[in-house]
């Protein structure tokens, strides 16, 4: 194999391993205690995956295999560093970070979501980011309040802490 060919392969491998950074919003990185634990687990997993990739002898394969763990390591390091654990809400008078909110949409659908940090939000698991349009509209409102979300309206039916909702 010629040196020129090896350099081309290395240049090609290097270009494949430059991944764009995972986007991070400019919002305050509020998290629940469980959310911080999840971020720490993801950081440890990225560190482990990078260690495995760095153990590979082939430099090109090492670059390829370390691309995602390096990107994740940078992301989760920053997220853990900037995480601010929000204590559970002490009052259930108005919607706040950490609450479970049950509301009715103007089309009659009733939905229940917990308001959590960006990295722990998963609508399919009934959690919404505190920066989502729905959470922003609900925050600071009380049971019985109707909030506008674009052309739609939502009426707050209940506000509870996770331990009160059986979670």
N, C-alpha and C. Protein backbone atom coordinates (compact mmCIF):
# COMPACT_ATOMS: atom_id res chain seq x y z
N UNK A 1 0.85 -1.17 0.00
CA UNK A 1 0.00 0.00 0.00
C UNK A 1 0.90 1.23 0.00
N UNK A 2 0.55 2.18 -0.83
CA UNK A 2 1.37 3.38 -0.90
C UNK A 2 0.99 4.33 0.23
N UNK A 3 1.93 5.20 0.58
CA UNK A 3 1.69 6.20 1.61
C UNK A 3 0.57 7.14 1.17
N UNK A 4 0.53 7.49 -0.09
CA UNK A 4 -0.51 8.39 -0.60
C UNK A 4 -1.90 7.81 -0.35
N UNK A 5 -2.04 6.49 -0.61
CA UNK A 5 -3.34 5.85 -0.40
C UNK A 5 -3.71 5.88 1.08
N UNK A 6 -2.77 5.61 1.94
CA UNK A 6 -3.02 5.62 3.38
C UNK A 6 -3.44 7.01 3.84
N UNK A 7 -2.81 8.03 3.30
CA UNK A 7 -3.18 9.39 3.69
C UNK A 7 -4.58 9.72 3.22
N UNK A 8 -4.93 9.28 2.00
CA UNK A 8 -6.28 9.54 1.51
C UNK A 8 -7.30 8.86 2.41
N UNK A 9 -7.00 7.62 2.80
CA UNK A 9 -7.93 6.91 3.66
C UNK A 9 -8.05 7.62 5.01
N UNK A 10 -6.95 8.10 5.54
CA UNK A 10 -6.98 8.80 6.81
C UNK A 10 -7.76 10.11 6.69
N UNK A 11 -7.56 10.83 5.60
CA UNK A 11 -8.29 12.08 5.38
C UNK A 11 -9.78 11.80 5.25
N UNK A 12 -10.11 10.73 4.54
CA UNK A 12 -11.51 10.36 4.38
C UNK A 12 -12.11 9.98 5.73
N UNK A 13 -11.39 9.19 6.50
CA UNK A 13 -11.87 8.77 7.82
C UNK A 13 -12.03 9.99 8.72
N UNK A 14 -11.09 10.90 8.64
CA UNK A 14 -11.16 12.09 9.48
C UNK A 14 -12.39 12.92 9.14
N UNK A 15 -12.70 13.04 7.86
CA UNK A 15 -13.87 13.84 7.47
C UNK A 15 -15.17 13.17 7.92
N UNK A 16 -15.16 11.84 7.98
CA UNK A 16 -16.35 11.12 8.44
C UNK A 16 -16.57 11.28 9.93
N UNK A 17 -15.53 11.61 10.66
CA UNK A 17 -15.63 11.65 12.11
C UNK A 17 -15.91 13.03 12.67
N UNK A 18 -16.04 14.00 11.83
CA UNK A 18 -16.34 15.35 12.32
C UNK A 18 -17.85 15.50 12.33
N UNK A 19 -18.43 15.30 13.48
CA UNK A 19 -19.88 15.39 13.62
C UNK A 19 -20.24 16.76 14.19
N UNK A 20 -21.34 17.32 13.75
CA UNK A 20 -21.77 18.59 14.33
C UNK A 20 -22.14 18.40 15.80
N UNK A 21 -21.97 19.43 16.58
CA UNK A 21 -22.32 19.38 18.00
C UNK A 21 -23.82 19.17 18.15
N UNK A 22 -24.20 18.49 19.20
CA UNK A 22 -25.63 18.36 19.50
C UNK A 22 -26.13 19.72 19.95
N UNK A 23 -27.28 20.16 19.46
CA UNK A 23 -27.77 21.50 19.80
C UNK A 23 -28.13 21.61 21.28
N UNK A 24 -27.82 22.76 21.83
CA UNK A 24 -28.15 23.07 23.22
C UNK A 24 -28.89 24.40 23.21
N UNK A 25 -30.06 24.41 23.81
CA UNK A 25 -30.84 25.65 23.84
C UNK A 25 -30.19 26.66 24.78
N UNK A 26 -30.63 27.87 24.71
CA UNK A 26 -30.14 28.91 25.58
C UNK A 26 -30.91 29.00 26.90
N UNK A 27 -31.86 28.09 27.10
CA UNK A 27 -32.66 28.09 28.33
C UNK A 27 -31.84 27.63 29.52
N UNK A 28 -32.28 28.00 30.69
CA UNK A 28 -31.71 27.50 31.93
C UNK A 28 -31.88 25.98 31.92
N UNK A 29 -30.84 25.25 32.27
CA UNK A 29 -30.86 23.79 32.23
C UNK A 29 -31.44 23.23 33.52
N UNK A 30 -32.74 23.43 33.71
CA UNK A 30 -33.42 22.88 34.87
C UNK A 30 -33.59 21.38 34.69
N UNK A 31 -33.40 20.63 35.77
CA UNK A 31 -33.60 19.19 35.74
C UNK A 31 -34.23 18.74 37.05
N UNK A 32 -34.88 17.60 37.01
CA UNK A 32 -35.33 16.94 38.23
C UNK A 32 -34.14 16.14 38.74
N UNK A 33 -34.25 15.61 39.95
CA UNK A 33 -33.16 14.77 40.48
C UNK A 33 -32.95 13.57 39.56
N UNK A 34 -34.05 12.96 39.10
CA UNK A 34 -33.94 11.82 38.19
C UNK A 34 -33.31 12.25 36.86
N UNK A 35 -33.60 13.46 36.43
CA UNK A 35 -33.03 13.96 35.19
C UNK A 35 -31.53 14.12 35.29
N UNK A 36 -31.04 14.61 36.43
CA UNK A 36 -29.60 14.74 36.63
C UNK A 36 -28.94 13.37 36.65
N UNK A 37 -29.56 12.41 37.31
CA UNK A 37 -29.02 11.05 37.34
C UNK A 37 -28.95 10.47 35.93
N UNK A 38 -29.96 10.74 35.13
CA UNK A 38 -29.95 10.25 33.74
C UNK A 38 -28.82 10.89 32.94
N UNK A 39 -28.62 12.20 33.10
CA UNK A 39 -27.52 12.88 32.41
C UNK A 39 -26.18 12.28 32.82
N UNK A 40 -26.02 12.00 34.11
CA UNK A 40 -24.78 11.41 34.59
C UNK A 40 -24.56 10.01 34.03
N UNK A 41 -25.63 9.22 33.91
CA UNK A 41 -25.53 7.88 33.30
C UNK A 41 -25.14 7.99 31.83
N UNK A 42 -25.74 8.94 31.11
CA UNK A 42 -25.41 9.13 29.69
C UNK A 42 -23.96 9.57 29.52
N UNK A 43 -23.48 10.42 30.42
CA UNK A 43 -22.09 10.86 30.38
C UNK A 43 -21.16 9.67 30.61
N UNK A 44 -21.46 8.85 31.59
CA UNK A 44 -20.64 7.66 31.87
C UNK A 44 -20.65 6.70 30.69
N UNK A 45 -21.80 6.55 30.04
CA UNK A 45 -21.90 5.66 28.87
C UNK A 45 -21.05 6.20 27.72
N UNK A 46 -21.04 7.51 27.53
CA UNK A 46 -20.22 8.11 26.47
C UNK A 46 -18.73 7.92 26.79
N UNK A 47 -18.36 8.07 28.04
CA UNK A 47 -16.97 7.85 28.44
C UNK A 47 -16.55 6.41 28.19
N UNK A 48 -17.43 5.48 28.52
CA UNK A 48 -17.14 4.05 28.31
C UNK A 48 -17.02 3.74 26.82
N UNK A 49 -17.92 4.25 26.02
CA UNK A 49 -17.88 4.00 24.57
C UNK A 49 -16.62 4.59 23.96
N UNK A 50 -16.19 5.75 24.44
CA UNK A 50 -14.97 6.36 23.94
C UNK A 50 -13.76 5.52 24.33
N UNK A 51 -13.74 4.99 25.53
CA UNK A 51 -12.63 4.13 25.96
C UNK A 51 -12.54 2.88 25.09
N UNK A 52 -13.67 2.31 24.76
CA UNK A 52 -13.69 1.13 23.88
C UNK A 52 -13.16 1.51 22.50
N UNK A 53 -13.61 2.63 21.97
CA UNK A 53 -13.15 3.07 20.64
C UNK A 53 -11.66 3.37 20.65
N UNK A 54 -11.16 3.99 21.70
CA UNK A 54 -9.75 4.34 21.78
C UNK A 54 -8.84 3.12 21.91
N UNK A 55 -9.40 1.99 22.28
CA UNK A 55 -8.62 0.76 22.41
C UNK A 55 -8.39 0.08 21.06
N UNK A 56 -9.08 0.53 20.02
CA UNK A 56 -8.92 -0.06 18.69
C UNK A 56 -7.55 0.29 18.12
N UNK A 57 -6.93 -0.69 17.47
CA UNK A 57 -5.58 -0.47 16.93
C UNK A 57 -5.61 0.33 15.63
N UNK A 58 -6.57 0.06 14.77
CA UNK A 58 -6.64 0.74 13.47
C UNK A 58 -7.06 2.20 13.68
N UNK A 59 -6.20 3.11 13.27
CA UNK A 59 -6.45 4.53 13.52
C UNK A 59 -7.72 5.02 12.82
N UNK A 60 -7.97 4.54 11.61
CA UNK A 60 -9.17 4.97 10.90
C UNK A 60 -10.43 4.46 11.57
N UNK A 61 -10.40 3.21 11.99
CA UNK A 61 -11.56 2.65 12.68
C UNK A 61 -11.74 3.32 14.04
N UNK A 62 -10.65 3.64 14.70
CA UNK A 62 -10.71 4.34 15.98
C UNK A 62 -11.41 5.68 15.81
N UNK A 63 -11.05 6.41 14.74
CA UNK A 63 -11.69 7.70 14.47
C UNK A 63 -13.18 7.53 14.22
N UNK A 64 -13.51 6.54 13.41
CA UNK A 64 -14.93 6.31 13.10
C UNK A 64 -15.72 5.96 14.36
N UNK A 65 -15.17 5.04 15.14
CA UNK A 65 -15.88 4.55 16.32
C UNK A 65 -15.94 5.57 17.46
N UNK A 66 -15.03 6.53 17.46
CA UNK A 66 -15.02 7.51 18.56
C UNK A 66 -15.84 8.76 18.24
N UNK A 67 -16.29 8.92 17.02
CA UNK A 67 -16.99 10.15 16.63
C UNK A 67 -18.23 10.41 17.48
N UNK A 68 -19.11 9.45 17.57
CA UNK A 68 -20.35 9.65 18.33
C UNK A 68 -20.06 9.78 19.82
N UNK A 69 -19.24 8.89 20.40
CA UNK A 69 -18.95 9.06 21.83
C UNK A 69 -18.31 10.41 22.16
N UNK A 70 -17.43 10.92 21.29
CA UNK A 70 -16.82 12.23 21.54
C UNK A 70 -17.86 13.34 21.53
N UNK A 71 -18.76 13.28 20.55
CA UNK A 71 -19.82 14.28 20.47
C UNK A 71 -20.72 14.19 21.71
N UNK A 72 -21.09 12.97 22.09
CA UNK A 72 -21.94 12.80 23.27
C UNK A 72 -21.22 13.21 24.55
N UNK A 73 -19.93 12.92 24.63
CA UNK A 73 -19.14 13.31 25.80
C UNK A 73 -19.15 14.83 25.98
N UNK A 74 -18.94 15.55 24.88
CA UNK A 74 -18.98 17.02 24.96
C UNK A 74 -20.36 17.50 25.39
N UNK A 75 -21.40 16.93 24.79
CA UNK A 75 -22.77 17.34 25.10
C UNK A 75 -23.12 17.06 26.57
N UNK A 76 -22.95 15.81 26.99
CA UNK A 76 -23.36 15.45 28.35
C UNK A 76 -22.47 16.10 29.41
N UNK A 77 -21.21 16.34 29.11
CA UNK A 77 -20.35 17.06 30.06
C UNK A 77 -20.91 18.45 30.30
N UNK A 78 -21.28 19.12 29.24
CA UNK A 78 -21.84 20.47 29.38
C UNK A 78 -23.19 20.44 30.08
N UNK A 79 -24.02 19.47 29.75
CA UNK A 79 -25.35 19.40 30.36
C UNK A 79 -25.26 19.09 31.85
N UNK A 80 -24.34 18.20 32.26
CA UNK A 80 -24.17 17.91 33.68
C UNK A 80 -23.62 19.15 34.39
N UNK A 81 -22.66 19.80 33.76
CA UNK A 81 -22.05 20.99 34.37
C UNK A 81 -23.05 22.12 34.58
N UNK A 82 -23.96 22.31 33.64
CA UNK A 82 -24.90 23.42 33.72
C UNK A 82 -26.24 23.05 34.36
N UNK A 83 -26.42 21.77 34.70
CA UNK A 83 -27.69 21.32 35.28
C UNK A 83 -27.97 22.00 36.61
N UNK A 84 -29.21 22.43 36.77
CA UNK A 84 -29.67 23.02 38.01
C UNK A 84 -30.87 22.21 38.48
N UNK A 85 -30.65 21.43 39.55
CA UNK A 85 -31.73 20.61 40.07
C UNK A 85 -32.77 21.51 40.69
N UNK A 86 -33.98 21.36 40.22
CA UNK A 86 -35.10 22.14 40.75
C UNK A 86 -35.80 21.29 41.81
N UNK A 87 -35.92 21.81 43.01
CA UNK A 87 -36.59 21.03 44.06
C UNK A 87 -38.05 20.79 43.68
N UNK A 88 -38.64 19.73 44.20
CA UNK A 88 -40.06 19.50 43.91
C UNK A 88 -40.88 20.71 44.35
N UNK A 89 -41.93 21.02 43.61
CA UNK A 89 -42.75 22.19 43.97
C UNK A 89 -43.35 22.03 45.36
N UNK A 90 -43.31 23.10 46.15
CA UNK A 90 -43.85 23.04 47.51
C UNK A 90 -45.34 23.38 47.54
N UNK A 91 -45.79 24.09 46.54
CA UNK A 91 -47.19 24.49 46.46
C UNK A 91 -47.77 23.97 45.16
N UNK A 92 -49.05 23.66 45.21
CA UNK A 92 -49.71 23.16 44.01
C UNK A 92 -50.80 24.13 43.55
N UNK A 93 -50.63 25.39 43.95
CA UNK A 93 -51.60 26.42 43.58
C UNK A 93 -51.49 26.80 42.11
N UNK A 94 -50.24 26.86 41.61
CA UNK A 94 -50.02 27.21 40.21
C UNK A 94 -49.03 26.23 39.60
N UNK A 95 -49.11 26.05 38.31
CA UNK A 95 -48.23 25.13 37.59
C UNK A 95 -46.79 25.62 37.65
N UNK A 96 -45.89 24.69 38.00
CA UNK A 96 -44.47 25.00 38.07
C UNK A 96 -43.67 23.79 37.57
N UNK A 97 -42.38 23.99 37.40
CA UNK A 97 -41.48 22.92 36.98
C UNK A 97 -41.64 21.74 37.95
N UNK A 98 -41.77 20.55 37.38
CA UNK A 98 -41.91 19.33 38.18
C UNK A 98 -43.33 18.88 38.40
N UNK A 99 -44.31 19.77 38.19
CA UNK A 99 -45.70 19.40 38.40
C UNK A 99 -46.21 18.45 37.31
N UNK A 100 -47.22 17.71 37.70
CA UNK A 100 -47.99 16.92 36.74
C UNK A 100 -49.28 17.71 36.53
N UNK A 101 -49.54 18.04 35.28
CA UNK A 101 -50.68 18.89 34.96
C UNK A 101 -51.64 18.12 34.06
N UNK A 102 -52.89 18.12 34.45
CA UNK A 102 -53.95 17.50 33.64
C UNK A 102 -54.78 18.65 33.07
N UNK A 103 -54.98 18.60 31.76
CA UNK A 103 -55.72 19.69 31.11
C UNK A 103 -56.61 19.13 30.01
N UNK A 104 -57.62 19.93 29.68
CA UNK A 104 -58.54 19.55 28.61
C UNK A 104 -58.37 20.53 27.46
N UNK A 105 -58.21 19.97 26.28
CA UNK A 105 -58.10 20.79 25.07
C UNK A 105 -59.50 21.18 24.61
N UNK A 106 -59.56 22.20 23.78
CA UNK A 106 -60.87 22.66 23.32
C UNK A 106 -61.58 21.64 22.42
N UNK A 107 -60.87 20.61 21.97
CA UNK A 107 -61.52 19.55 21.18
C UNK A 107 -62.01 18.41 22.07
N UNK A 108 -61.89 18.58 23.40
CA UNK A 108 -62.39 17.59 24.35
C UNK A 108 -61.35 16.58 24.84
N UNK A 109 -60.18 16.53 24.21
CA UNK A 109 -59.15 15.59 24.66
C UNK A 109 -58.60 16.02 26.01
N UNK A 110 -58.44 15.07 26.90
CA UNK A 110 -57.83 15.33 28.20
C UNK A 110 -56.43 14.71 28.18
N UNK A 111 -55.45 15.49 28.57
CA UNK A 111 -54.06 15.02 28.57
C UNK A 111 -53.41 15.34 29.89
N UNK A 112 -52.43 14.53 30.25
CA UNK A 112 -51.68 14.71 31.49
C UNK A 112 -50.20 14.62 31.18
N UNK A 113 -49.45 15.62 31.62
CA UNK A 113 -48.00 15.66 31.39
C UNK A 113 -47.30 16.18 32.64
N UNK A 114 -46.08 15.70 32.82
CA UNK A 114 -45.21 16.25 33.86
C UNK A 114 -44.24 17.21 33.18
N UNK A 115 -44.01 18.36 33.78
CA UNK A 115 -43.09 19.35 33.23
C UNK A 115 -41.70 19.09 33.81
N UNK A 116 -40.75 18.79 32.90
CA UNK A 116 -39.40 18.38 33.29
C UNK A 116 -38.37 19.13 32.46
N UNK A 117 -37.10 18.77 32.63
CA UNK A 117 -36.01 19.37 31.87
C UNK A 117 -36.01 18.93 30.43
N UNK A 118 -35.27 19.66 29.61
CA UNK A 118 -35.22 19.39 28.17
C UNK A 118 -34.72 17.98 27.85
N UNK A 119 -33.69 17.53 28.54
CA UNK A 119 -33.11 16.22 28.23
C UNK A 119 -33.94 15.06 28.73
N UNK A 120 -34.83 15.29 29.66
CA UNK A 120 -35.66 14.20 30.19
C UNK A 120 -37.06 14.19 29.59
N UNK A 121 -37.38 15.17 28.77
CA UNK A 121 -38.72 15.27 28.18
C UNK A 121 -38.93 14.22 27.10
N UNK A 122 -40.09 13.58 27.17
CA UNK A 122 -40.48 12.59 26.17
C UNK A 122 -42.01 12.53 26.18
N UNK A 123 -42.66 13.25 25.25
CA UNK A 123 -44.13 13.28 25.25
C UNK A 123 -44.77 11.89 25.23
N UNK A 124 -44.12 10.91 24.61
CA UNK A 124 -44.69 9.56 24.60
C UNK A 124 -44.69 8.94 26.00
N UNK A 125 -43.90 9.52 26.91
CA UNK A 125 -43.85 9.06 28.30
C UNK A 125 -44.53 10.07 29.24
N UNK A 126 -45.33 10.94 28.67
CA UNK A 126 -46.11 11.94 29.41
C UNK A 126 -45.24 12.96 30.14
N UNK A 127 -44.11 13.32 29.52
CA UNK A 127 -43.28 14.39 30.07
C UNK A 127 -43.04 15.43 29.00
N UNK A 128 -43.06 16.70 29.41
CA UNK A 128 -42.84 17.82 28.50
C UNK A 128 -41.70 18.68 29.01
N UNK A 129 -40.91 19.21 28.10
CA UNK A 129 -39.86 20.15 28.46
C UNK A 129 -40.46 21.44 28.99
N UNK A 130 -39.81 22.00 29.98
CA UNK A 130 -40.27 23.28 30.53
C UNK A 130 -40.20 24.39 29.48
N UNK A 131 -39.47 24.15 28.39
CA UNK A 131 -39.37 25.14 27.32
C UNK A 131 -40.34 24.89 26.18
N UNK A 132 -41.17 23.85 26.28
CA UNK A 132 -42.13 23.57 25.21
C UNK A 132 -43.25 24.61 25.23
N UNK A 133 -43.87 24.86 24.09
CA UNK A 133 -44.97 25.84 24.05
C UNK A 133 -46.10 25.54 25.03
N UNK A 134 -46.45 24.26 25.18
CA UNK A 134 -47.53 23.91 26.11
C UNK A 134 -47.12 24.23 27.54
N UNK A 135 -45.91 23.82 27.94
CA UNK A 135 -45.46 24.08 29.31
C UNK A 135 -45.35 25.58 29.58
N UNK A 136 -44.83 26.31 28.63
CA UNK A 136 -44.71 27.76 28.80
C UNK A 136 -46.09 28.38 29.01
N UNK A 137 -47.07 27.92 28.25
CA UNK A 137 -48.43 28.46 28.38
C UNK A 137 -49.05 28.12 29.73
N UNK A 138 -48.72 26.94 30.27
CA UNK A 138 -49.33 26.49 31.52
C UNK A 138 -48.66 27.05 32.77
N UNK A 139 -47.38 27.34 32.70
CA UNK A 139 -46.63 27.76 33.89
C UNK A 139 -47.24 29.02 34.51
N UNK A 140 -47.39 28.97 35.82
CA UNK A 140 -47.92 30.12 36.56
C UNK A 140 -49.44 30.19 36.58
N UNK A 141 -50.09 29.25 35.93
CA UNK A 141 -51.56 29.25 35.88
C UNK A 141 -52.11 28.28 36.92
N UNK A 142 -53.38 28.47 37.29
CA UNK A 142 -54.04 27.68 38.33
C UNK A 142 -55.13 26.78 37.75
N UNK A 143 -55.61 25.86 38.58
CA UNK A 143 -56.72 24.99 38.18
C UNK A 143 -57.91 25.88 37.79
N UNK A 144 -58.52 25.55 36.66
CA UNK A 144 -59.66 26.32 36.15
C UNK A 144 -59.27 27.38 35.15
N UNK A 145 -57.99 27.76 35.13
CA UNK A 145 -57.54 28.75 34.14
C UNK A 145 -57.59 28.15 32.75
N UNK A 146 -57.93 28.98 31.80
CA UNK A 146 -57.92 28.60 30.39
C UNK A 146 -56.80 29.40 29.73
N UNK A 147 -55.91 28.70 29.05
CA UNK A 147 -54.79 29.36 28.39
C UNK A 147 -54.91 29.18 26.89
N UNK A 148 -54.45 30.16 26.17
CA UNK A 148 -54.45 30.10 24.71
C UNK A 148 -53.11 29.56 24.24
N UNK A 149 -53.17 28.67 23.29
CA UNK A 149 -51.98 28.11 22.66
C UNK A 149 -52.23 28.20 21.16
N UNK A 150 -51.84 29.34 20.60
CA UNK A 150 -52.18 29.61 19.21
C UNK A 150 -53.69 29.73 19.11
N UNK A 151 -54.30 29.05 18.14
CA UNK A 151 -55.75 29.14 18.00
C UNK A 151 -56.50 28.23 18.97
N UNK A 152 -55.79 27.39 19.71
CA UNK A 152 -56.40 26.42 20.61
C UNK A 152 -56.39 26.94 22.05
N UNK A 153 -57.29 26.36 22.86
CA UNK A 153 -57.28 26.70 24.28
C UNK A 153 -57.18 25.42 25.10
N UNK A 154 -56.59 25.57 26.29
CA UNK A 154 -56.42 24.46 27.23
C UNK A 154 -56.97 24.90 28.58
N UNK A 155 -57.76 24.06 29.22
CA UNK A 155 -58.24 24.35 30.56
C UNK A 155 -57.54 23.43 31.55
N UNK A 156 -56.95 24.01 32.57
CA UNK A 156 -56.23 23.22 33.57
C UNK A 156 -57.23 22.57 34.50
N UNK A 157 -57.16 21.23 34.58
CA UNK A 157 -58.08 20.46 35.41
C UNK A 157 -57.49 20.10 36.77
N UNK A 158 -56.16 19.83 36.81
CA UNK A 158 -55.52 19.51 38.08
C UNK A 158 -54.04 19.75 38.00
N UNK A 159 -53.45 19.98 39.20
CA UNK A 159 -52.01 20.18 39.34
C UNK A 159 -51.59 19.29 40.51
N UNK A 160 -50.57 18.46 40.28
CA UNK A 160 -50.12 17.57 41.36
C UNK A 160 -48.62 17.38 41.31
N UNK A 161 -48.08 16.96 42.43
CA UNK A 161 -46.67 16.58 42.50
C UNK A 161 -46.56 15.12 42.08
N UNK A 162 -45.42 14.69 41.57
CA UNK A 162 -45.27 13.30 41.12
C UNK A 162 -45.63 12.27 42.19
N UNK A 163 -45.27 12.50 43.45
CA UNK A 163 -45.57 11.54 44.50
C UNK A 163 -47.06 11.45 44.78
N UNK A 164 -47.79 12.52 44.55
CA UNK A 164 -49.23 12.53 44.75
C UNK A 164 -49.98 11.85 43.60
N UNK A 165 -49.32 11.77 42.44
CA UNK A 165 -49.95 11.19 41.26
C UNK A 165 -49.58 9.72 41.10
N UNK A 166 -48.92 9.15 42.10
CA UNK A 166 -48.55 7.74 42.03
C UNK A 166 -47.32 7.47 41.24
N UNK A 167 -46.43 8.44 41.07
CA UNK A 167 -45.18 8.23 40.30
C UNK A 167 -44.02 8.09 41.24
